[in-house]
């Protein structure tokens, strides 16, 4: 795991019903060009991809988690190590930000 100080992420990975509930709340909005902020280990990322956005960009400030995301989703999503302001994009270029 990366240098993230919290201890809840392994538990969050297993919270499958929460993930489904969360995406069910706004899943219809996951269209076009989507930015996920703080992808962590990808618990929500895989559900966002199931919504079939045109493009998914995930930014993650923890380098270790960014590497995990790249290994898991690098072929189907753009993984950007860093904060939202590190994402190379123009204002208004995302249809949804999660």
Foldseek 3Di string as FASTA:
>chain_A
DFPDPDDCVVVLLVPLVVLVVVCVVPLVQLEEEEEEWACQLPSNVVVSVVSPHVAYEYEHQTPVSLVNCCVVCVVRYHYHHRGPVSDPDDPPNHSYYD
